[in-house]
Amino acid sequence: MPVSVGVAAIVGRSSPRDRWSSMPSWIARLVRLDRCGPGRHAFRAANAQGAGPRLFGGLIAAQALAAAGATVDSGRLPQSLHAYFIKGGRVGVDVDYAVEPTRDGRSFNTRRVTASQQGVPIFEMLASFHSPEPGRDWQRPAVPRLALADATTAIDLPEGWMNHVETRVAADATSEWPVQPFWFRSREPIEDDPLLRACCLTFVSDLGMVSTARPPGEREPGPGGAASLDHALWLHRMIDPNQWHCYDAVGVSHSDARGLAFGSISDSAGVLVASVAQESLWRI
């Protein structure tokens, strides 16, 4: 039965640090945010790590989801998130997350999260949470372009702090980053906490999407570079990151220096866990 969650019910929610303080997994360590400021909806992360000189967008999105989740009832599960990368973040600088409760309904909660560094916004996200309901369970049948048995090349992510995710690609892959489609799983156990596992999925969902949006025939970006602009994730079903999942995305459009890619994440039985869309800046 849906549970109504009002403002009074939000009081006393534990911070991500309190909720996951006893959990040793890599994702729990990355999303342990501290409360900061006078309000109940302000958090800070010292884990400002990146891929090269810029913060990794998947980390910022995962931490923003953790901050939003700290302000809703634990029975409400992440349903979707829609994010904008509005400014490149700097590695080594604390990130502050301000959460604005925008709706607390009988079945859904909506939160707006703004991430800032030294008072300058770098990221914004709307996240929705849903109380589980009974209903039909259906999906369009799909066969992954890369079978798990054919994903024989292991890729070590070039940034050591990110290499908690084991990825495998086709035998002929040459990139140092995972190229779609690829299979992934956590290298170490992740605790059975729905929000924590959703944060893990959010982290992984930013891998490989910029390169997937590359225009056909182009190998590298020009002097203007390439970067994520916005990112959307729909979480259809519960995920167990300890098991193999296939992340399969394709580019669908490129114009006005912007490339769009759509992706799906399915388990080894073909069950659709999540859908992803991302637009990337590609200055050739």
C-alpha atoms as a PDB file:
ATOM      1  CA  MET A   1       0.000   0.000   0.000  1.00  0.00           C
ATOM      2  CA  PRO A   2       1.449   3.441  -0.905  1.00  0.00           C
ATOM      3  CA  VAL A   3       2.589   5.408   2.106  1.00  0.00           C
ATOM      4  CA  SER A   4       2.134   9.160   2.280  1.00  0.00           C
ATOM      5  CA  VAL A   5       5.367  10.913   3.172  1.00  0.00           C
ATOM      6  CA  GLY A   6       5.107  14.503   4.314  1.00  0.00           C
ATOM      7  CA  VAL A   7       7.609  17.049   5.541  1.00  0.00           C
ATOM      8  CA  ALA A   8       7.297  15.819   9.114  1.00  0.00           C
ATOM      9  CA  ALA A   9       8.293  12.325   8.024  1.00  0.00           C
ATOM     10  CA  ILE A  10      11.510  13.654   6.530  1.00  0.00           C
ATOM     11  CA  VAL A  11      12.775  15.035   9.838  1.00  0.00           C
ATOM     12  CA  GLY A  12      15.453  12.834  11.346  1.00  0.00           C
ATOM     13  CA  ARG A  13      16.482  11.059   8.112  1.00  0.00           C
ATOM     14  CA  SER A  14      19.999   9.699   8.501  1.00  0.00           C
ATOM     15  CA  SER A  15      22.763  11.155   6.378  1.00  0.00           C
ATOM     16  CA  PRO A  16      24.410   8.970   3.723  1.00  0.00           C
ATOM     17  CA  ARG A  17      27.430   8.705   6.035  1.00  0.00           C
ATOM     18  CA  ASP A  18      25.295   7.410   8.904  1.00  0.00           C
ATOM     19  CA  ARG A  19      23.303   5.050   6.688  1.00  0.00           C
ATOM     20  CA  TRP A  20      26.354   3.428   5.096  1.00  0.00           C
ATOM     21  CA  SER A  21      29.044   3.962   7.747  1.00  0.00           C
ATOM     22  CA  SER A  22      29.331   0.230   8.475  1.00  0.00           C
ATOM     23  CA  MET A  23      29.289  -0.849   4.831  1.00  0.00           C
ATOM     24  CA  PRO A  24      32.751  -1.484   3.348  1.00  0.00           C
ATOM     25  CA  SER A  25      31.925  -1.554  -0.371  1.00  0.00           C
ATOM     26  CA  TRP A  26      33.578   0.900  -2.748  1.00  0.00           C
ATOM     27  CA  ILE A  27      30.301   2.582  -3.708  1.00  0.00           C
ATOM     28  CA  ALA A  28      29.340   3.040  -0.045  1.00  0.00           C
ATOM     29  CA  ARG A  29      32.654   4.816   0.517  1.00  0.00           C
ATOM     30  CA  LEU A  30      32.149   7.070  -2.500  1.00  0.00           C
ATOM     31  CA  VAL A  31      28.639   8.217  -1.550  1.00  0.00           C
ATOM     32  CA  ARG A  32      29.116   8.727   2.197  1.00  0.00           C
ATOM     33  CA  LEU A  33      28.184  12.386   2.319  1.00  0.00           C
ATOM     34  CA  ASP A  34      28.316  14.525   5.433  1.00  0.00           C
ATOM     35  CA  ARG A  35      25.546  16.887   6.422  1.00  0.00           C
ATOM     36  CA  CYS A  36      26.665  20.495   6.289  1.00  0.00           C
ATOM     37  CA  GLY A  37      25.113  23.855   6.965  1.00  0.00           C
ATOM     38  CA  PRO A  38      22.135  24.660   9.180  1.00  0.00           C
ATOM     39  CA  GLY A  39      19.487  22.799   7.129  1.00  0.00           C
ATOM     40  CA  ARG A  40      18.584  19.129   6.889  1.00  0.00           C
ATOM     41  CA  HIS A  41      19.048  19.040   3.125  1.00  0.00           C
ATOM     42  CA  ALA A  42      22.671  20.102   2.646  1.00  0.00           C
ATOM     43  CA  PHE A  43      25.490  17.611   2.188  1.00  0.00           C
ATOM     44  CA  ARG A  44      29.193  17.675   1.341  1.00  0.00           C
ATOM     45  CA  ALA A  45      31.514  15.206  -0.368  1.00  0.00           C
ATOM     46  CA  ALA A  46      35.276  15.250  -0.129  1.00  0.00           C
ATOM     47  CA  ASN A  47      35.528  12.472  -2.751  1.00  0.00           C
ATOM     48  CA  ALA A  48      36.013  14.914  -5.617  1.00  0.00           C
ATOM     49  CA  GLN A  49      37.699  12.521  -8.014  1.00  0.00           C
ATOM     50  CA  GLY A  50      37.722  12.551 -11.753  1.00  0.00           C
ATOM     51  CA  ALA A  51      38.773  11.139 -15.061  1.00  0.00           C
ATOM     52  CA  GLY A  52      41.766  13.277 -15.878  1.00  0.00           C
ATOM     53  CA  PRO A  53      41.465  16.925 -14.797  1.00  0.00           C
ATOM     54  CA  ARG A  54      37.656  16.943 -14.585  1.00  0.00           C
ATOM     55  CA  LEU A  55      35.280  15.313 -12.140  1.00  0.00           C
ATOM     56  CA  PHE A  56      33.686  12.105 -13.377  1.00  0.00           C
ATOM     57  CA  GLY A  57      30.040  12.800 -14.098  1.00  0.00           C
ATOM     58  CA  GLY A  58      28.907   9.366 -12.945  1.00  0.00           C
ATOM     59  CA  LEU A  59      30.357  10.039  -9.491  1.00  0.00           C
ATOM     60  CA  ILE A  60      28.609  13.409  -9.174  1.00  0.00           C
ATOM     61  CA  ALA A  61      25.296  11.883 -10.294  1.00  0.00           C
ATOM     62  CA  ALA A  62      25.659   8.970  -7.845  1.00  0.00           C
ATOM     63  CA  GLN A  63      26.440  11.293  -4.944  1.00  0.00           C
ATOM     64  CA  ALA A  64      23.528  13.572  -5.901  1.00  0.00           C
ATOM     65  CA  LEU A  65      21.195  10.560  -5.883  1.00  0.00           C
ATOM     66  CA  ALA A  66      22.516   9.576  -2.449  1.00  0.00           C
ATOM     67  CA  ALA A  67      21.839  13.108  -1.181  1.00  0.00           C
ATOM     68  CA  ALA A  68      18.303  13.084  -2.585  1.00  0.00           C
ATOM     69  CA  GLY A  69      17.647   9.631  -1.165  1.00  0.00           C
ATOM     70  CA  ALA A  70      18.649  10.815   2.309  1.00  0.00           C
ATOM     71  CA  THR A  71      15.578  13.099   2.350  1.00  0.00           C
ATOM     72  CA  VAL A  72      12.891  10.533   1.490  1.00  0.00           C
ATOM     73  CA  ASP A  73      11.475   7.509   3.264  1.00  0.00           C
ATOM     74  CA  SER A  74      13.704   4.467   2.884  1.00  0.00           C
ATOM     75  CA  GLY A  75      10.776   2.530   1.392  1.00  0.00           C
ATOM     76  CA  ARG A  76      10.692   4.842  -1.617  1.00  0.00           C
ATOM     77  CA  LEU A  77      12.978   3.541  -4.373  1.00  0.00           C
ATOM     78  CA  PRO A  78      14.754   5.608  -7.054  1.00  0.00           C
ATOM     79  CA  GLN A  79      12.591   5.689 -10.180  1.00  0.00           C
ATOM     80  CA  SER A  80      14.410   8.082 -12.495  1.00  0.00           C
ATOM     81  CA  LEU A  81      16.850  10.958 -12.651  1.00  0.00           C
ATOM     82  CA  HIS A  82      17.404  13.747 -15.148  1.00  0.00           C
ATOM     83  CA  ALA A  83      20.664  15.653 -14.853  1.00  0.00           C
ATOM     84  CA  TYR A  84      22.536  18.537 -16.453  1.00  0.00           C
ATOM     85  CA  PHE A  85      26.309  18.951 -16.355  1.00  0.00           C
ATOM     86  CA  ILE A  86      26.443  22.732 -16.348  1.00  0.00           C
ATOM     87  CA  LYS A  87      30.139  23.323 -15.617  1.00  0.00           C
ATOM     88  CA  GLY A  88      33.225  21.135 -15.502  1.00  0.00           C
ATOM     89  CA  GLY A  89      34.037  20.184 -11.913  1.00  0.00           C
ATOM     90  CA  ARG A  90      37.537  20.422 -10.435  1.00  0.00           C
ATOM     91  CA  VAL A  91      39.302  17.450  -8.925  1.00  0.00           C
ATOM     92  CA  GLY A  92      40.347  17.873  -5.291  1.00  0.00           C
ATOM     93  CA  VAL A  93      37.707  20.495  -4.408  1.00  0.00           C
ATOM     94  CA  ASP A  94      34.843  19.588  -2.060  1.00  0.00           C
ATOM     95  CA  VAL A  95      31.403  19.272  -3.660  1.00  0.00           C
ATOM     96  CA  ASP A  96      28.321  20.610  -1.846  1.00  0.00           C
ATOM     97  CA  TYR A  97      24.896  19.104  -2.569  1.00  0.00           C
ATOM     98  CA  ALA A  98      21.778  21.151  -1.805  1.00  0.00           C
ATOM     99  CA  VAL A  99      18.539  19.148  -1.931  1.00  0.00           C
ATOM    100  CA  GLU A 100      15.198  20.897  -2.512  1.00  0.00           C
ATOM    101  CA  PRO A 101      12.078  18.837  -1.742  1.00  0.00           C
ATOM    102  CA  THR A 102       9.706  19.661  -4.594  1.00  0.00           C
ATOM    103  CA  ARG A 103       6.979  17.059  -4.060  1.00  0.00           C
ATOM    104  CA  ASP A 104       5.962  14.518  -1.416  1.00  0.00           C
ATOM    105  CA  GLY A 105       2.957  12.596  -2.670  1.00  0.00           C
ATOM    106  CA  ARG A 106       1.161   9.376  -1.836  1.00  0.00           C
ATOM    107  CA  SER A 107       3.326   7.351  -4.236  1.00  0.00           C
ATOM    108  CA  PHE A 108       6.109   9.610  -5.491  1.00  0.00           C
ATOM    109  CA  ASN A 109       8.712  12.011  -4.111  1.00  0.00           C
ATOM    110  CA  THR A 110      10.603  14.479  -6.284  1.00  0.00           C
ATOM    111  CA  ARG A 111      13.862  16.172  -5.350  1.00  0.00           C
ATOM    112  CA  ARG A 112      15.983  18.828  -7.033  1.00  0.00           C
ATOM    113  CA  VAL A 113      19.703  18.576  -6.288  1.00  0.00           C
ATOM    114  CA  THR A 114      22.282  21.261  -7.065  1.00  0.00           C
ATOM    115  CA  ALA A 115      25.967  20.392  -6.798  1.00  0.00           C
ATOM    116  CA  SER A 116      28.394  23.274  -6.289  1.00  0.00           C
ATOM    117  CA  GLN A 117      32.088  23.850  -5.766  1.00  0.00           C
ATOM    118  CA  GLN A 118      33.059  26.930  -3.753  1.00  0.00           C
ATOM    119  CA  GLY A 119      29.591  28.362  -4.296  1.00  0.00           C
ATOM    120  CA  VAL A 120      29.518  27.859  -8.081  1.00  0.00           C
ATOM    121  CA  PRO A 121      26.915  25.374  -9.412  1.00  0.00           C
ATOM    122  CA  ILE A 122      28.383  22.629 -11.596  1.00  0.00           C
ATOM    123  CA  PHE A 123      25.504  20.111 -11.810  1.00  0.00           C
ATOM    124  CA  GLU A 124      21.741  19.946 -11.394  1.00  0.00           C
ATOM    125  CA  MET A 125      19.470  16.934 -11.139  1.00  0.00           C
ATOM    126  CA  LEU A 126      15.799  16.093 -10.686  1.00  0.00           C
ATOM    127  CA  ALA A 127      15.294  12.707  -9.045  1.00  0.00           C
ATOM    128  CA  SER A 128      12.040  10.815  -8.545  1.00  0.00           C
ATOM    129  CA  PHE A 129      11.346   8.129  -5.942  1.00  0.00           C
ATOM    130  CA  HIS A 130       8.426   5.708  -6.020  1.00  0.00           C
ATOM    131  CA  SER A 131       6.758   3.452  -3.506  1.00  0.00           C
ATOM    132  CA  PRO A 132       6.670  -0.082  -5.039  1.00  0.00           C
ATOM    133  CA  GLU A 133       3.256  -1.064  -6.399  1.00  0.00           C
ATOM    134  CA  PRO A 134       1.803  -4.323  -7.770  1.00  0.00           C
ATOM    135  CA  GLY A 135       1.194  -4.459 -11.503  1.00  0.00           C
ATOM    136  CA  ARG A 136       2.113  -6.142 -14.777  1.00  0.00           C
ATOM    137  CA  ASP A 137       5.792  -6.850 -15.437  1.00  0.00           C
ATOM    138  CA  TRP A 138       6.494  -6.648 -19.175  1.00  0.00           C
ATOM    139  CA  GLN A 139       9.332  -5.600 -21.457  1.00  0.00           C
ATOM    140  CA  ARG A 140      10.056  -5.717 -25.156  1.00  0.00           C
ATOM    141  CA  PRO A 141      12.232  -8.778 -25.845  1.00  0.00           C
ATOM    142  CA  ALA A 142      15.762  -7.865 -26.888  1.00  0.00           C
ATOM    143  CA  VAL A 143      18.952  -9.756 -27.652  1.00  0.00           C
ATOM    144  CA  PRO A 144      22.210  -7.996 -26.679  1.00  0.00           C
ATOM    145  CA  ARG A 145      24.586  -7.279 -29.544  1.00  0.00           C
ATOM    146  CA  LEU A 146      27.397  -8.789 -27.463  1.00  0.00           C
ATOM    147  CA  ALA A 147      26.877 -12.114 -25.713  1.00  0.00           C
ATOM    148  CA  LEU A 148      28.588 -12.573 -22.368  1.00  0.00           C
ATOM    149  CA  ALA A 149      30.481 -15.561 -23.774  1.00  0.00           C
ATOM    150  CA  ASP A 150      31.937 -13.303 -26.490  1.00  0.00           C
ATOM    151  CA  ALA A 151      32.994 -10.554 -24.065  1.00  0.00           C
ATOM    152  CA  THR A 152      36.497 -11.933 -23.597  1.00  0.00           C
ATOM    153  CA  THR A 153      38.636  -8.804 -23.284  1.00  0.00           C
ATOM    154  CA  ALA A 154      38.895  -7.303 -19.801  1.00  0.00           C
ATOM    155  CA  ILE A 155      39.272  -3.528 -19.579  1.00  0.00           C
ATOM    156  CA  ASP A 156      40.905  -1.896 -16.570  1.00  0.00           C
ATOM    157  CA  LEU A 157      39.591   1.621 -16.198  1.00  0.00           C
ATOM    158  CA  PRO A 158      42.547   4.007 -16.571  1.00  0.00           C
ATOM    159  CA  GLU A 159      41.726   5.912 -13.388  1.00  0.00           C
ATOM    160  CA  GLY A 160      42.662   3.618 -10.493  1.00  0.00           C
ATOM    161  CA  TRP A 161      40.002   4.958  -8.128  1.00  0.00           C
ATOM    162  CA  MET A 162      37.321   3.938 -10.647  1.00  0.00           C
ATOM    163  CA  ASN A 163      38.560   0.419 -11.247  1.00  0.00           C
ATOM    164  CA  HIS A 164      36.106  -1.199  -8.842  1.00  0.00           C
ATOM    165  CA  VAL A 165      33.967  -2.087 -11.850  1.00  0.00           C
ATOM    166  CA  GLU A 166      35.045  -5.103 -13.891  1.00  0.00           C
ATOM    167  CA  THR A 167      34.256  -4.576 -17.575  1.00  0.00           C
ATOM    168  CA  ARG A 168      34.535  -6.910 -20.533  1.00  0.00           C
ATOM    169  CA  VAL A 169      34.263  -6.044 -24.193  1.00  0.00           C
ATOM    170  CA  ALA A 170      34.548  -7.865 -27.513  1.00  0.00           C
ATOM    171  CA  ALA A 171      37.832  -9.572 -28.336  1.00  0.00           C
ATOM    172  CA  ASP A 172      38.794  -7.007 -31.017  1.00  0.00           C
ATOM    173  CA  ALA A 173      38.275  -3.904 -28.822  1.00  0.00           C
ATOM    174  CA  THR A 174      41.295  -1.600 -28.551  1.00  0.00           C
ATOM    175  CA  SER A 175      40.128   1.364 -26.441  1.00  0.00           C
ATOM    176  CA  GLU A 176      41.386   1.883 -22.891  1.00  0.00           C
ATOM    177  CA  TRP A 177      37.799   2.787 -21.927  1.00  0.00           C
ATOM    178  CA  PRO A 178      34.823   0.417 -22.229  1.00  0.00           C
ATOM    179  CA  VAL A 179      33.221   0.730 -25.665  1.00  0.00           C
ATOM    180  CA  GLN A 180      29.530  -0.050 -26.072  1.00  0.00           C
ATOM    181  CA  PRO A 181      28.316  -2.716 -25.792  1.00  0.00           C
ATOM    182  CA  PHE A 182      30.142  -4.041 -22.722  1.00  0.00           C
ATOM    183  CA  TRP A 183      29.451  -6.288 -19.757  1.00  0.00           C
ATOM    184  CA  PHE A 184      30.130  -5.157 -16.193  1.00  0.00           C
ATOM    185  CA  ARG A 185      29.913  -6.205 -12.568  1.00  0.00           C
ATOM    186  CA  SER A 186      31.365  -5.012  -9.284  1.00  0.00           C
ATOM    187  CA  ARG A 187      34.757  -6.463  -8.408  1.00  0.00           C
ATOM    188  CA  GLU A 188      33.753  -6.668  -4.739  1.00  0.00           C
ATOM    189  CA  PRO A 189      30.407  -7.343  -3.040  1.00  0.00           C
ATOM    190  CA  ILE A 190      27.938  -4.476  -2.798  1.00  0.00           C
ATOM    191  CA  GLU A 191      25.533  -4.556   0.102  1.00  0.00           C
ATOM    192  CA  ASP A 192      21.837  -5.340  -0.392  1.00  0.00           C
ATOM    193  CA  ASP A 193      20.641  -1.747  -0.047  1.00  0.00           C
ATOM    194  CA  PRO A 194      18.352  -0.597  -2.912  1.00  0.00           C
ATOM    195  CA  LEU A 195      19.480   3.040  -2.841  1.00  0.00           C
ATOM    196  CA  LEU A 196      23.151   2.092  -2.658  1.00  0.00           C
ATOM    197  CA  ARG A 197      22.797  -0.277  -5.602  1.00  0.00           C
ATOM    198  CA  ALA A 198      20.952   2.410  -7.553  1.00  0.00           C
ATOM    199  CA  CYS A 199      23.896   4.737  -6.867  1.00  0.00           C
ATOM    200  CA  CYS A 200      26.220   2.077  -8.276  1.00  0.00           C
ATOM    201  CA  LEU A 201      24.099   1.793 -11.425  1.00  0.00           C
ATOM    202  CA  THR A 202      24.076   5.584 -11.755  1.00  0.00           C
ATOM    203  CA  PHE A 203      27.881   5.618 -11.489  1.00  0.00           C
ATOM    204  CA  VAL A 204      28.255   3.020 -14.252  1.00  0.00           C
ATOM    205  CA  SER A 205      25.615   4.603 -16.492  1.00  0.00           C
ATOM    206  CA  ASP A 206      28.003   7.429 -17.438  1.00  0.00           C
ATOM    207  CA  LEU A 207      30.653   5.049 -18.792  1.00  0.00           C
ATOM    208  CA  GLY A 208      31.052   4.968 -22.555  1.00  0.00           C
ATOM    209  CA  MET A 209      28.175   7.257 -23.467  1.00  0.00           C
ATOM    210  CA  VAL A 210      30.253  10.183 -24.756  1.00  0.00           C
ATOM    211  CA  SER A 211      32.192   7.922 -27.118  1.00  0.00           C
ATOM    212  CA  THR A 212      28.938   6.291 -28.262  1.00  0.00           C
ATOM    213  CA  ALA A 213      27.662   9.723 -29.341  1.00  0.00           C
ATOM    214  CA  ARG A 214      30.772  10.270 -31.497  1.00  0.00           C
ATOM    215  CA  PRO A 215      29.831  11.093 -35.114  1.00  0.00           C
ATOM    216  CA  PRO A 216      30.534   8.212 -37.522  1.00  0.00           C
ATOM    217  CA  GLY A 217      34.016   8.389 -39.001  1.00  0.00           C
ATOM    218  CA  GLU A 218      35.399  10.660 -36.263  1.00  0.00           C
ATOM    219  CA  ARG A 219      38.009   9.198 -33.928  1.00  0.00           C
ATOM    220  CA  GLU A 220      38.891  12.078 -31.594  1.00  0.00           C
ATOM    221  CA  PRO A 221      37.301  15.412 -30.657  1.00  0.00           C
ATOM    222  CA  GLY A 222      38.781  18.656 -31.921  1.00  0.00           C
ATOM    223  CA  PRO A 223      40.306  21.441 -29.786  1.00  0.00           C
ATOM    224  CA  GLY A 224      36.891  22.116 -28.219  1.00  0.00           C
ATOM    225  CA  GLY A 225      36.825  18.608 -26.762  1.00  0.00           C
ATOM    226  CA  ALA A 226      33.946  16.321 -25.867  1.00  0.00           C
ATOM    227  CA  ALA A 227      31.867  16.238 -22.686  1.00  0.00           C
ATOM    228  CA  SER A 228      28.531  15.103 -21.239  1.00  0.00           C
ATOM    229  CA  LEU A 229      25.800  17.737 -21.425  1.00  0.00           C
ATOM    230  CA  ASP A 230      22.789  16.020 -19.892  1.00  0.00           C
ATOM    231  CA  HIS A 231      21.963  12.532 -18.679  1.00  0.00           C
ATOM    232  CA  ALA A 232      18.746  10.633 -17.999  1.00  0.00           C
ATOM    233  CA  LEU A 233      18.367   7.288 -16.244  1.00  0.00           C
ATOM    234  CA  TRP A 234      15.190   5.255 -15.714  1.00  0.00           C
ATOM    235  CA  LEU A 235      15.428   2.427 -13.179  1.00  0.00           C
ATOM    236  CA  HIS A 236      12.895  -0.217 -14.167  1.00  0.00           C
ATOM    237  CA  ARG A 237      13.823  -3.091 -11.871  1.00  0.00           C
ATOM    238  CA  MET A 238      16.117  -3.898  -8.969  1.00  0.00           C
ATOM    239  CA  ILE A 239      19.746  -4.510  -9.860  1.00  0.00           C
ATOM    240  CA  ASP A 240      22.351  -6.762  -8.294  1.00  0.00           C
ATOM    241  CA  PRO A 241      25.692  -5.178  -9.315  1.00  0.00           C
ATOM    242  CA  ASN A 242      27.504  -8.302  -8.135  1.00  0.00           C
ATOM    243  CA  GLN A 243      26.153 -10.114 -11.220  1.00  0.00           C
ATOM    244  CA  TRP A 244      27.024  -9.549 -14.881  1.00  0.00           C
ATOM    245  CA  HIS A 245      24.982  -6.933 -16.749  1.00  0.00           C
ATOM    246  CA  CYS A 246      25.203  -5.784 -20.365  1.00  0.00           C
ATOM    247  CA  TYR A 247      25.322  -2.070 -21.132  1.00  0.00           C
ATOM    248  CA  ASP A 248      24.373  -1.585 -24.781  1.00  0.00           C
ATOM    249  CA  ALA A 249      24.039   1.905 -26.254  1.00  0.00           C
ATOM    250  CA  VAL A 250      23.914   3.345 -29.764  1.00  0.00           C
ATOM    251  CA  GLY A 251      24.265   6.814 -31.197  1.00  0.00           C
ATOM    252  CA  VAL A 252      21.032   8.089 -32.758  1.00  0.00           C
ATOM    253  CA  SER A 253      21.698  11.691 -33.815  1.00  0.00           C
ATOM    254  CA  HIS A 254      24.425  14.286 -34.249  1.00  0.00           C
ATOM    255  CA  SER A 255      23.846  17.959 -35.091  1.00  0.00           C
ATOM    256  CA  ASP A 256      24.820  21.393 -33.836  1.00  0.00           C
ATOM    257  CA  ALA A 257      27.932  19.867 -32.160  1.00  0.00           C
ATOM    258  CA  ARG A 258      25.665  17.659 -30.007  1.00  0.00           C
ATOM    259  CA  GLY A 259      25.425  13.882 -30.148  1.00  0.00           C
ATOM    260  CA  LEU A 260      22.612  11.818 -28.633  1.00  0.00           C
ATOM    261  CA  ALA A 261      22.893   8.202 -27.482  1.00  0.00           C
ATOM    262  CA  PHE A 262      20.275   5.786 -26.123  1.00  0.00           C
ATOM    263  CA  GLY A 263      21.241   2.787 -24.002  1.00  0.00           C
ATOM    264  CA  SER A 264      19.843  -0.159 -22.077  1.00  0.00           C
ATOM    265  CA  ILE A 265      21.201  -2.159 -19.159  1.00  0.00           C
ATOM    266  CA  SER A 266      20.093  -5.802 -18.877  1.00  0.00           C
ATOM    267  CA  ASP A 267      21.107  -8.761 -16.763  1.00  0.00           C
ATOM    268  CA  SER A 268      22.460 -12.041 -18.129  1.00  0.00           C
ATOM    269  CA  ALA A 269      18.905 -13.421 -18.430  1.00  0.00           C
ATOM    270  CA  GLY A 270      17.891 -10.504 -20.652  1.00  0.00           C
ATOM    271  CA  VAL A 271      15.823  -8.697 -18.022  1.00  0.00           C
ATOM    272  CA  LEU A 272      15.840  -4.948 -18.661  1.00  0.00           C
ATOM    273  CA  VAL A 273      17.086  -3.200 -15.525  1.00  0.00           C
ATOM    274  CA  ALA A 274      17.464   0.384 -16.731  1.00  0.00           C
ATOM    275  CA  SER A 275      17.312   2.698 -19.731  1.00  0.00           C
ATOM    276  CA  VAL A 276      19.700   5.589 -20.352  1.00  0.00           C
ATOM    277  CA  ALA A 277      19.822   8.631 -22.611  1.00  0.00           C
ATOM    278  CA  GLN A 278      22.685  11.093 -22.822  1.00  0.00           C
ATOM    279  CA  GLU A 279      23.529  14.065 -24.993  1.00  0.00           C
ATOM    280  CA  SER A 280      27.191  14.937 -25.404  1.00  0.00           C
ATOM    281  CA  LEU A 281      29.068  17.916 -26.741  1.00  0.00           C
ATOM    282  CA  TRP A 282      31.325  16.990 -29.672  1.00  0.00           C
ATOM    283  CA  ARG A 283      33.336  19.858 -31.120  1.00  0.00           C
ATOM    284  CA  ILE A 284      35.091  18.414 -34.133  1.00  0.00           C
END
